[in-house]
Amino acid sequence: MPPADPLEVPDPQPFELTIAEAAAALRDGSLTAVALTESVLGRIEETEPALNAYVLVTADLAREQAARADEELANGRDRGPLHGIPFALKDLFDTAGIATTAGSGFLRERIPEEDAFVVAKLHEAGIVLTGKLGMHEFAFGTTSDNAHFGTIRNPWNTDYTPGGSSGGSGAAAAAGSALGTLGSDTGGSIRMPAAICGVAGLKPTRGLVSRSGVVPLSTTLDHAGPLTRSVEDSALILNAIAGHDPTDPQSMERPPEDFTRELGRDLAGLRLGVPRNPLWADCDDEVAEACEAALEQLRALGAEAVEVELPLLATTGRLLISQVEGAAFHERWLREHPERYSDEIRGKVEPGLTRPAIEYLRDLEQRRALELEVLAVLESVDLLVSPTLPLRVPTVAVGDPGSRLASYTRAYNSSGLPAISVPCGLDSNGLPIGLMIAGRPFAEATVCRAAHACEQALGWPRRPPL
C-alpha cells in the first residue's frame, strides 16, 4: 500500500468527497444534497478570489436544485449517480438564461436561450449547477491567464499556473469548489489542467460527446469531457454526457455503455505501448522519473510494456488547423471589432485569415496519416502511455515557456483517440505530475481501467494544501 498522504484528513468535509462517495452518502441518508451543496458553496467562498476559478457563482440556483434533488430522491426518483452533485461548467458551454462568455470581454453580456447538448444531459442527470468556470480567452491558450477576467491560479500553490485552457475546471475540481467539472480539449485543454492540478481529465473519442452549444475553437479538433478528483468520477460523468446528437456533424451513433464497467479489473494481459520518441523526448527529469515509476507500477499490476515507434507524432506541433478553423469562426467579429479581443488572442487568430488553403489541406492530409499510423500501432498494443506534459508546472509569471505544454497532448486531438491524464506524483516544488494513457477509438472503459489502477496504486486522489 502507498504511504499515508500527510495532506489527507481523517474525516473529510462533504466538499472533499468524490462524486461516487457523495452519491453513496446521498442514498444511505448520511448526507443531503442541500448539505453537500452548502459545503461546496462554502468552499467556493473560502477559495475565491485566491483561485479565481469561477467567473460566475449561481448560488441561488444551486440551492433550488439541491432542494429539488433531495425531494426527488426522497420520493424514489433517482436520476443516477450525478443526482444532487454540485457541478460547474467551463464558460464556453451554453447555459440557458445564464451568461456564457467563452472567457472573452466580447461576449460578456451573451445569454444563450438554450443549454448546450451536454449541459441538457447533465441537467437530466440531476446535477446542481454551482456556476461557470474561468478559462483562457476563447480557449486559445494553455495558461488561463485572461486579460478580461484575470489570472486563474493553482490550488497546490497560487504562484503557479493551473494550465489551460480549462484552468478553472482543473482548479475547481482539485480544490473541491465543485465535485464535477466539464472542460473542452482542442490540443490538450482538459488533460493539461488535469495534470497540473492533480486531477483526472478525460478527452473522449472524437464523436462520442456532442459539441453543439459549445463555443468552438476548432471544428475538427474540439472535444468536451470531464475533469474530476478521481478516474471513477470522470467515467460516471462520461456515462451521462455521451450520446448521439444529430446537430453535431461529428457525433457518432453508438449504443449506450457503462464506462465504469472495467474499473477494478486487474491489468493482466494489457499491452502498453511506450512511444519514447517523441512523447517521452525532451522531458524534464522529475516528470520522466515519476512517469517511469508509474509505468513500473502498471507492470507490477500485470500489464506488459513494450516500446513502439510513432514517428508522425512529432509532426503534430503545428497550430495551422486550429488557427484556420478558429479564424473562420471569428472572421466577422475580427473584421468588425478587433479591439474587443486581447492582443494575445487577436495575434493568434488573425493570421488564420490569410493562410493559404493548400497549407490547411496538407495539414489535414498529414493528420489523417498520423491517425492511420497510431491505429496501426494499436493493433499490437492496447494502450499508449506517456507523460502528459514535458515540463514541471510553470509559475504564473513564466507562463508556457516555448509553448511546450501541449506538445504531447495534441497528438490525440489530431488522431481523435480517447486519452486521460491521471496524477502520478509530485515534483520537488510540491506540484502534481500527470501520466497520459490513450487507447483505441471508443475504448474509454479500458483507458479508465488502467488509469484507475494507477491512481489507486499511487495513493490518489489527494487534497491540495489550499
Protein backbone atom coordinates (compact mmCIF):
# COMPACT_ATOMS: atom_id res chain seq x y z
CA MET A 1 0.00 0.00 0.00
CA PRO A 2 1.20 3.57 -0.65
CA PRO A 3 2.26 5.61 2.38
CA ALA A 4 -0.33 7.78 4.03
CA ASP A 5 -0.61 11.21 2.47
CA PRO A 6 0.15 13.90 5.04
CA LEU A 7 -2.44 16.11 3.35
CA GLU A 8 -5.24 13.61 3.86
CA VAL A 9 -7.78 14.33 6.59
CA PRO A 10 -9.47 11.51 8.53
CA ASP A 11 -12.98 12.96 8.45
CA PRO A 12 -13.48 14.65 5.10
CA GLN A 13 -15.85 17.55 4.69
CA PRO A 14 -18.61 16.98 2.13
CA PHE A 15 -16.81 19.10 -0.47
CA GLU A 16 -13.83 16.71 -0.23
CA LEU A 17 -15.85 13.68 -1.31
CA THR A 18 -15.60 12.18 -4.75
CA ILE A 19 -18.78 12.00 -6.79
CA ALA A 20 -19.01 8.27 -6.16
CA GLU A 21 -18.62 8.76 -2.40
CA ALA A 22 -21.14 11.61 -2.30
CA ALA A 23 -23.64 9.61 -4.37
CA ALA A 24 -23.42 6.74 -1.90
CA ALA A 25 -23.89 9.11 1.06
CA LEU A 26 -26.94 10.73 -0.56
CA ARG A 27 -28.52 7.32 -0.87
CA ASP A 28 -27.68 5.92 2.56
CA GLY A 29 -29.10 9.03 4.24
CA SER A 30 -25.84 10.24 5.79
CA LEU A 31 -25.82 13.35 3.59
CA THR A 32 -28.35 15.55 1.82
CA ALA A 33 -27.87 17.38 -1.46
CA VAL A 34 -28.58 20.63 0.37
CA ALA A 35 -25.82 19.98 2.92
CA LEU A 36 -23.42 18.90 0.19
CA THR A 37 -24.17 22.00 -1.84
CA GLU A 38 -23.75 24.32 1.14
CA SER A 39 -20.37 22.70 1.81
CA VAL A 40 -19.28 23.33 -1.78
CA LEU A 41 -20.61 26.90 -1.78
CA GLY A 42 -18.70 27.48 1.44
CA ARG A 43 -15.60 26.09 -0.22
CA ILE A 44 -16.07 28.50 -3.12
CA GLU A 45 -16.20 31.42 -0.66
CA GLU A 46 -13.07 30.06 1.04
CA THR A 47 -11.01 29.66 -2.13
CA GLU A 48 -12.22 32.61 -4.21
CA PRO A 49 -10.83 35.03 -5.19
CA ALA A 50 -7.46 33.43 -4.44
CA LEU A 51 -8.00 30.87 -7.22
CA ASN A 52 -10.23 32.99 -9.47
CA ALA A 53 -11.61 29.69 -10.80
CA TYR A 54 -15.20 30.99 -11.12
CA VAL A 55 -16.44 33.79 -13.34
CA LEU A 56 -19.99 33.32 -12.04
CA VAL A 57 -21.39 31.55 -8.97
CA THR A 58 -25.05 30.51 -9.26
CA ALA A 59 -25.65 30.01 -5.54
CA ASP A 60 -29.42 30.62 -5.54
CA LEU A 61 -29.98 28.24 -8.45
CA ALA A 62 -27.76 25.64 -6.81
CA ARG A 63 -29.76 25.77 -3.58
CA GLU A 64 -33.02 25.39 -5.51
CA GLN A 65 -31.70 22.43 -7.48
CA ALA A 66 -30.26 20.78 -4.37
CA ALA A 67 -33.60 21.03 -2.55
CA ARG A 68 -35.33 19.56 -5.60
CA ALA A 69 -32.81 16.71 -5.74
CA ASP A 70 -33.44 15.85 -2.09
CA GLU A 71 -37.18 15.86 -2.69
CA GLU A 72 -36.89 13.66 -5.77
CA LEU A 73 -34.60 11.16 -4.07
CA ALA A 74 -36.89 11.03 -1.05
CA ASN A 75 -39.81 10.27 -3.37
CA GLY A 76 -37.97 7.47 -5.15
CA ARG A 77 -36.94 9.36 -8.29
CA ASP A 78 -33.26 8.55 -8.70
CA ARG A 79 -31.68 10.09 -11.81
CA GLY A 80 -28.36 8.31 -11.29
CA PRO A 81 -25.03 8.98 -9.56
CA LEU A 82 -24.87 12.66 -10.59
CA HIS A 83 -28.24 13.41 -8.96
CA GLY A 84 -27.68 16.15 -6.36
CA ILE A 85 -23.97 16.58 -7.19
CA PRO A 86 -22.54 20.15 -7.24
CA PHE A 87 -21.17 20.72 -10.71
CA ALA A 88 -19.54 23.62 -12.59
CA LEU A 89 -19.00 24.25 -16.30
CA LYS A 90 -16.21 25.82 -18.30
CA ASP A 91 -17.65 29.09 -19.51
CA LEU A 92 -17.95 28.10 -23.15
CA PHE A 93 -20.82 25.65 -22.59
CA ASP A 94 -24.10 27.39 -23.34
CA THR A 95 -26.41 27.67 -20.33
CA ALA A 96 -29.97 28.83 -20.89
CA GLY A 97 -30.57 32.16 -19.18
CA ILE A 98 -27.03 32.29 -17.77
CA ALA A 99 -24.19 34.24 -19.36
CA THR A 100 -21.69 32.24 -21.43
CA THR A 101 -18.65 34.35 -22.29
CA ALA A 102 -16.01 31.89 -23.57
CA GLY A 103 -13.59 33.88 -21.45
CA SER A 104 -13.95 36.93 -23.67
CA GLY A 105 -14.91 40.51 -22.99
CA PHE A 106 -16.59 40.48 -26.38
CA LEU A 107 -19.27 38.00 -25.17
CA ARG A 108 -19.52 39.21 -21.58
CA GLU A 109 -23.24 40.01 -21.94
CA ARG A 110 -24.15 36.97 -24.06
CA ILE A 111 -27.01 34.94 -22.53
CA PRO A 112 -27.96 31.81 -24.52
CA GLU A 113 -31.57 30.78 -24.90
CA GLU A 114 -30.80 27.07 -24.82
CA ASP A 115 -28.45 24.73 -22.99
CA ALA A 116 -25.63 23.03 -24.84
CA PHE A 117 -26.49 19.40 -25.65
CA VAL A 118 -24.21 18.06 -22.90
CA VAL A 119 -25.49 20.60 -20.37
CA ALA A 120 -29.04 19.46 -21.04
CA LYS A 121 -27.91 15.87 -20.46
CA LEU A 122 -26.26 16.85 -17.18
CA HIS A 123 -29.47 18.55 -16.02
CA GLU A 124 -31.38 15.38 -16.94
CA ALA A 125 -28.90 13.53 -14.73
CA GLY A 126 -29.79 15.85 -11.84
CA ILE A 127 -26.69 17.97 -11.31
CA VAL A 128 -26.67 21.02 -9.06
CA LEU A 129 -25.11 23.87 -11.04
CA THR A 130 -22.78 25.97 -8.88
CA GLY A 131 -21.55 28.23 -11.69
CA LYS A 132 -19.36 28.91 -14.70
CA LEU A 133 -15.61 28.44 -14.65
CA GLY A 134 -12.85 30.66 -15.98
CA MET A 135 -10.71 29.80 -18.98
CA HIS A 136 -8.19 31.15 -21.45
CA GLU A 137 -9.87 33.64 -23.76
CA PHE A 138 -11.82 31.76 -26.45
CA ALA A 139 -9.92 28.62 -25.31
CA PHE A 140 -6.91 29.74 -27.35
CA GLY A 141 -4.14 29.23 -24.79
CA THR A 142 -2.53 26.96 -22.23
CA THR A 143 -2.30 29.04 -19.03
CA SER A 144 -5.76 30.54 -18.31
CA ASP A 145 -4.16 33.95 -17.86
CA ASN A 146 -7.10 36.00 -19.07
CA ALA A 147 -6.96 39.70 -19.97
CA HIS A 148 -10.70 40.17 -19.31
CA PHE A 149 -11.33 38.04 -16.20
CA GLY A 150 -7.92 37.84 -14.58
CA THR A 151 -5.45 35.06 -13.90
CA ILE A 152 -6.63 31.67 -12.63
CA ARG A 153 -4.29 30.07 -10.11
CA ASN A 154 -3.28 26.60 -8.99
CA PRO A 155 -4.70 25.32 -5.66
CA TRP A 156 -1.43 23.49 -4.92
CA ASN A 157 0.41 26.82 -4.95
CA THR A 158 -1.20 30.02 -6.17
CA ASP A 159 2.09 31.27 -7.61
CA TYR A 160 1.72 28.58 -10.29
CA THR A 161 -0.50 28.24 -13.34
CA PRO A 162 -3.45 25.82 -13.35
CA GLY A 163 -2.87 25.16 -17.05
CA GLY A 164 -5.32 25.88 -19.80
CA SER A 165 -7.49 26.46 -21.45
CA SER A 166 -9.81 24.75 -18.91
CA GLY A 167 -7.88 26.17 -15.97
CA GLY A 168 -10.93 26.99 -13.88
CA SER A 169 -12.21 23.44 -14.31
CA GLY A 170 -8.93 21.93 -13.16
CA ALA A 171 -8.57 24.29 -10.22
CA ALA A 172 -12.16 23.84 -9.02
CA ALA A 173 -12.03 20.05 -9.30
CA ALA A 174 -8.80 19.93 -7.29
CA ALA A 175 -9.89 22.44 -4.65
CA GLY A 176 -13.32 20.90 -4.04
CA SER A 177 -15.17 24.02 -5.17
CA ALA A 178 -17.09 21.66 -7.46
CA LEU A 179 -17.32 17.88 -7.29
CA GLY A 180 -17.61 17.58 -11.06
CA THR A 181 -16.49 19.92 -13.82
CA LEU A 182 -16.65 19.97 -17.60
CA GLY A 183 -13.94 21.27 -19.91
CA SER A 184 -13.05 21.32 -23.57
CA ASP A 185 -9.93 19.99 -25.28
CA THR A 186 -8.59 21.09 -28.68
CA GLY A 187 -4.89 20.43 -28.13
CA GLY A 188 -4.86 19.25 -24.52
CA SER A 189 -7.07 21.74 -22.68
CA ILE A 190 -8.64 19.07 -20.45
CA ARG A 191 -5.52 16.99 -19.88
CA MET A 192 -3.09 19.86 -19.26
CA PRO A 193 -5.06 21.38 -16.35
CA ALA A 194 -5.75 17.87 -15.03
CA ALA A 195 -2.04 17.07 -14.93
CA ILE A 196 -1.11 20.45 -13.47
CA CYS A 197 -3.87 20.47 -10.81
CA GLY A 198 -3.56 16.81 -9.79
CA VAL A 199 -6.94 15.52 -11.00
CA ALA A 200 -8.24 13.16 -13.66
CA GLY A 201 -9.08 14.69 -17.03
CA LEU A 202 -10.64 12.63 -19.83
CA LYS A 203 -10.74 13.61 -23.51
CA PRO A 204 -13.16 11.18 -25.15
CA THR A 205 -13.01 9.74 -28.65
CA ARG A 206 -13.93 12.21 -31.37
CA GLY A 207 -17.68 11.98 -31.91
CA LEU A 208 -18.58 10.34 -28.60
CA VAL A 209 -19.62 13.58 -26.84
CA SER A 210 -21.54 16.36 -28.60
CA ARG A 211 -20.06 19.82 -29.04
CA SER A 212 -23.33 21.51 -30.01
CA GLY A 213 -23.82 24.65 -27.97
CA VAL A 214 -20.10 24.82 -27.12
CA VAL A 215 -18.32 27.96 -28.35
CA PRO A 216 -15.82 26.46 -30.81
CA LEU A 217 -12.12 26.87 -31.22
CA SER A 218 -11.51 24.29 -33.96
CA THR A 219 -14.44 22.49 -35.56
CA THR A 220 -12.47 19.30 -36.29
CA LEU A 221 -10.26 19.17 -33.18
CA ASP A 222 -12.59 20.21 -30.32
CA HIS A 223 -13.67 17.66 -27.71
CA ALA A 224 -15.71 18.01 -24.50
CA GLY A 225 -15.07 15.97 -21.36
CA PRO A 226 -14.82 15.84 -17.55
CA LEU A 227 -12.21 16.91 -15.00
CA THR A 228 -12.71 15.31 -11.59
CA ARG A 229 -10.86 14.26 -8.47
CA SER A 230 -10.96 10.58 -9.48
CA VAL A 231 -10.99 8.46 -12.63
CA GLU A 232 -14.21 6.80 -11.49
CA ASP A 233 -15.91 10.18 -11.32
CA SER A 234 -14.81 11.02 -14.87
CA ALA A 235 -16.24 7.74 -16.09
CA LEU A 236 -19.53 8.44 -14.29
CA ILE A 237 -19.81 11.83 -15.97
CA LEU A 238 -18.99 10.32 -19.35
CA ASN A 239 -21.88 7.90 -18.83
CA ALA A 240 -24.17 10.92 -18.55
CA ILE A 241 -22.87 13.08 -21.41
CA ALA A 242 -22.05 10.54 -24.13
CA GLY A 243 -24.66 10.08 -26.83
CA HIS A 244 -25.58 10.85 -30.39
CA ASP A 245 -26.52 14.42 -31.29
CA PRO A 246 -27.84 14.90 -34.84
CA THR A 247 -26.97 18.61 -34.69
CA ASP A 248 -23.24 17.86 -34.31
CA PRO A 249 -21.82 16.65 -37.66
CA GLN A 250 -19.05 14.68 -35.92
CA SER A 251 -21.38 12.95 -33.46
CA MET A 252 -21.41 9.14 -33.78
CA GLU A 253 -24.36 6.83 -33.22
CA ARG A 254 -23.34 4.18 -30.70
CA PRO A 255 -25.22 2.01 -28.22
CA PRO A 256 -25.15 3.24 -24.60
CA GLU A 257 -22.41 1.76 -22.45
CA ASP A 258 -21.13 1.92 -18.89
CA PHE A 259 -17.64 3.41 -18.89
CA THR A 260 -17.08 2.26 -15.30
CA ARG A 261 -17.52 -1.40 -16.20
CA GLU A 262 -13.81 -2.28 -16.24
CA LEU A 263 -12.82 -0.34 -13.10
CA GLY A 264 -11.22 -2.62 -10.52
CA ARG A 265 -10.29 -5.33 -13.01
CA ASP A 266 -6.65 -6.40 -12.94
CA LEU A 267 -4.33 -5.41 -15.74
CA ALA A 268 -3.17 -8.90 -16.65
CA GLY A 269 -2.94 -9.24 -20.42
CA LEU A 270 -2.94 -5.49 -21.17
CA ARG A 271 -0.16 -4.44 -23.53
CA LEU A 272 1.07 -0.90 -23.02
CA GLY A 273 2.83 0.85 -25.89
CA VAL A 274 5.51 3.32 -24.84
CA PRO A 275 6.27 5.88 -27.60
CA ARG A 276 9.64 7.06 -26.32
CA ASN A 277 10.14 9.32 -29.29
CA PRO A 278 8.53 11.81 -29.33
CA LEU A 279 6.19 11.51 -26.30
CA TRP A 280 8.95 10.97 -23.76
CA ALA A 281 11.58 13.03 -25.55
CA ASP A 282 12.98 16.27 -24.16
CA CYS A 283 11.14 15.69 -20.89
CA ASP A 284 12.11 17.23 -17.54
CA ASP A 285 13.93 14.70 -15.36
CA GLU A 286 11.43 14.84 -12.49
CA VAL A 287 8.50 14.32 -14.85
CA ALA A 288 10.23 11.40 -16.57
CA GLU A 289 11.12 9.76 -13.24
CA ALA A 290 7.58 10.00 -11.89
CA CYS A 291 6.08 8.63 -15.10
CA GLU A 292 8.65 5.81 -15.27
CA ALA A 293 7.71 4.86 -11.70
CA ALA A 294 4.02 4.88 -12.65
CA LEU A 295 4.75 2.72 -15.68
CA GLU A 296 6.63 0.29 -13.44
CA GLN A 297 3.61 0.22 -11.12
CA LEU A 298 1.38 -0.70 -14.08
CA ARG A 299 3.79 -3.52 -14.89
CA ALA A 300 3.62 -4.70 -11.28
CA LEU A 301 -0.17 -4.79 -11.62
CA GLY A 302 0.12 -7.23 -14.52
CA ALA A 303 0.44 -5.11 -17.64
CA GLU A 304 3.18 -5.62 -20.21
CA ALA A 305 5.05 -2.59 -21.54
CA VAL A 306 6.64 -2.54 -24.98
CA GLU A 307 8.33 0.30 -26.82
CA VAL A 308 6.62 1.43 -30.02
CA GLU A 309 7.53 3.73 -32.89
CA LEU A 310 5.23 6.61 -33.82
CA PRO A 311 7.39 8.99 -35.87
CA LEU A 312 4.50 11.07 -37.20
CA LEU A 313 3.57 12.15 -33.68
CA ALA A 314 6.50 14.56 -33.93
CA THR A 315 4.64 16.43 -36.69
CA THR A 316 1.60 17.36 -34.59
CA GLY A 317 3.09 20.59 -33.21
CA ARG A 318 1.66 22.90 -35.87
CA LEU A 319 -1.29 25.09 -34.93
CA LEU A 320 -2.42 25.73 -38.51
CA ILE A 321 -5.63 23.64 -38.40
CA SER A 322 -6.94 25.22 -35.20
CA GLN A 323 -5.73 28.65 -36.32
CA VAL A 324 -7.59 28.47 -39.66
CA GLU A 325 -10.73 26.93 -38.20
CA GLY A 326 -10.68 29.42 -35.34
CA ALA A 327 -10.31 32.30 -37.79
CA ALA A 328 -13.28 31.02 -39.79
CA PHE A 329 -15.45 31.23 -36.67
CA HIS A 330 -14.15 34.64 -35.61
CA GLU A 331 -13.85 36.25 -39.06
CA ARG A 332 -16.75 38.71 -38.86
CA TRP A 333 -16.03 39.73 -35.28
CA LEU A 334 -12.32 40.17 -36.03
CA ARG A 335 -13.02 42.40 -39.00
CA GLU A 336 -15.73 44.49 -37.30
CA HIS A 337 -14.47 44.69 -33.70
CA PRO A 338 -10.80 43.66 -33.44
CA GLU A 339 -10.40 45.91 -30.40
CA ARG A 340 -12.67 43.64 -28.34
CA TYR A 341 -10.04 40.89 -28.40
CA SER A 342 -6.95 40.89 -26.24
CA ASP A 343 -3.73 41.50 -28.13
CA GLU A 344 -2.66 37.92 -27.37
CA ILE A 345 -5.71 36.23 -28.87
CA ARG A 346 -6.02 38.58 -31.82
CA GLY A 347 -2.38 37.83 -32.62
CA LYS A 348 -3.11 34.10 -32.58
CA VAL A 349 -6.32 34.13 -34.60
CA GLU A 350 -5.81 36.86 -37.22
CA PRO A 351 -3.05 35.01 -39.14
CA GLY A 352 -5.54 32.24 -39.85
CA LEU A 353 -7.49 34.61 -42.08
CA THR A 354 -4.68 34.69 -44.63
CA ARG A 355 -3.23 31.17 -44.54
CA PRO A 356 -3.32 29.51 -47.99
CA ALA A 357 -5.98 26.83 -48.38
CA ILE A 358 -3.38 24.40 -49.72
CA GLU A 359 -1.48 24.54 -46.41
CA TYR A 360 -4.65 23.75 -44.49
CA LEU A 361 -5.47 20.81 -46.79
CA ARG A 362 -1.96 19.43 -46.48
CA ASP A 363 -2.20 19.56 -42.71
CA LEU A 364 -5.50 17.66 -42.87
CA GLU A 365 -3.77 15.01 -45.01
CA GLN A 366 -0.88 14.85 -42.56
CA ARG A 367 -3.32 14.47 -39.68
CA ARG A 368 -5.02 11.55 -41.41
CA ALA A 369 -1.64 9.89 -41.94
CA LEU A 370 -0.93 10.27 -38.21
CA GLU A 371 -4.30 8.76 -37.34
CA LEU A 372 -3.61 5.71 -39.53
CA GLU A 373 -0.13 5.32 -38.02
CA VAL A 374 -1.47 5.33 -34.46
CA LEU A 375 -4.31 2.94 -35.31
CA ALA A 376 -1.79 0.54 -36.86
CA VAL A 377 0.30 0.54 -33.67
CA LEU A 378 -2.83 -0.02 -31.58
CA GLU A 379 -3.40 -3.29 -33.41
CA SER A 380 -0.48 -4.73 -31.44
CA VAL A 381 -0.91 -2.88 -28.13
CA ASP A 382 -3.99 -1.97 -26.12
CA LEU A 383 -2.94 1.42 -24.76
CA LEU A 384 -0.29 4.11 -25.21
CA VAL A 385 1.40 5.56 -22.12
CA SER A 386 3.47 8.73 -21.75
CA PRO A 387 3.88 11.81 -19.58
CA THR A 388 1.01 14.24 -20.05
CA LEU A 389 3.37 17.22 -20.18
CA PRO A 390 7.09 17.52 -20.90
CA LEU A 391 7.54 20.17 -18.19
CA ARG A 392 7.10 20.61 -14.49
CA VAL A 393 4.34 23.08 -13.62
CA PRO A 394 5.42 26.61 -14.54
CA THR A 395 4.72 29.68 -12.46
CA VAL A 396 2.11 32.23 -13.47
CA ALA A 397 4.93 34.66 -14.17
CA VAL A 398 6.74 32.26 -16.52
CA GLY A 399 3.61 31.03 -18.32
CA ASP A 400 4.16 28.43 -21.05
CA PRO A 401 7.87 28.57 -21.86
CA GLY A 402 8.44 27.94 -25.54
CA SER A 403 4.75 26.99 -25.95
CA ARG A 404 5.68 23.46 -24.94
CA LEU A 405 2.88 22.48 -22.56
CA ALA A 406 0.69 20.96 -25.29
CA SER A 407 3.48 19.27 -27.22
CA TYR A 408 2.47 15.76 -26.04
CA THR A 409 -1.28 16.13 -25.63
CA ARG A 410 -2.23 17.45 -29.07
CA ALA A 411 -1.34 14.14 -30.76
CA TYR A 412 -4.62 12.66 -29.53
CA ASN A 413 -6.69 15.57 -30.78
CA SER A 414 -5.20 15.07 -34.22
CA SER A 415 -5.89 11.32 -34.10
CA GLY A 416 -9.22 11.68 -32.29
CA LEU A 417 -8.39 8.91 -29.82
CA PRO A 418 -9.50 8.77 -26.18
CA ALA A 419 -6.87 9.95 -23.69
CA ILE A 420 -6.83 10.61 -19.98
CA SER A 421 -4.40 12.34 -17.64
CA VAL A 422 -4.12 10.85 -14.18
CA PRO A 423 -1.86 12.18 -11.39
CA CYS A 424 1.20 10.07 -10.67
CA GLY A 425 3.31 12.12 -8.27
CA LEU A 426 4.51 15.50 -7.03
CA ASP A 427 7.61 17.36 -8.15
CA SER A 428 10.17 18.96 -5.84
CA ASN A 429 8.01 22.10 -5.68
CA GLY A 430 5.05 20.05 -4.43
CA LEU A 431 3.19 20.42 -7.75
CA PRO A 432 1.45 17.48 -9.48
CA ILE A 433 2.79 15.40 -12.36
CA GLY A 434 0.44 13.66 -14.80
CA LEU A 435 0.58 10.38 -16.70
CA MET A 436 -1.32 10.18 -20.00
CA ILE A 437 -2.99 6.96 -21.15
CA ALA A 438 -4.60 6.73 -24.61
CA GLY A 439 -6.42 3.91 -26.35
CA ARG A 440 -8.26 2.69 -29.40
CA PRO A 441 -11.35 4.52 -30.66
CA PHE A 442 -14.20 4.21 -28.14
CA ALA A 443 -12.02 2.24 -25.69
CA GLU A 444 -12.70 4.68 -22.85
CA ALA A 445 -13.56 1.85 -20.45
CA THR A 446 -10.13 0.27 -20.91
CA VAL A 447 -8.36 3.64 -20.72
CA CYS A 448 -10.16 4.32 -17.44
CA ARG A 449 -9.38 0.82 -16.15
CA ALA A 450 -5.62 1.39 -16.44
CA ALA A 451 -5.81 4.97 -15.17
CA HIS A 452 -7.91 3.93 -12.17
CA ALA A 453 -5.48 1.13 -11.30
CA CYS A 454 -2.56 3.58 -11.46
CA GLU A 455 -4.40 6.20 -9.41
CA GLN A 456 -5.31 3.72 -6.68
CA ALA A 457 -1.85 2.17 -6.51
CA LEU A 458 -0.16 5.56 -6.19
CA GLY A 459 -2.45 6.89 -3.48
CA TRP A 460 -4.59 9.39 -5.36
CA PRO A 461 -6.78 11.43 -5.17
CA ARG A 462 -5.06 13.81 -2.78
CA ARG A 463 -6.15 17.18 -1.49
CA PRO A 464 -4.10 20.28 -2.34
CA PRO A 465 -2.93 22.41 0.59
CA LEU A 466 -5.08 25.46 -0.18
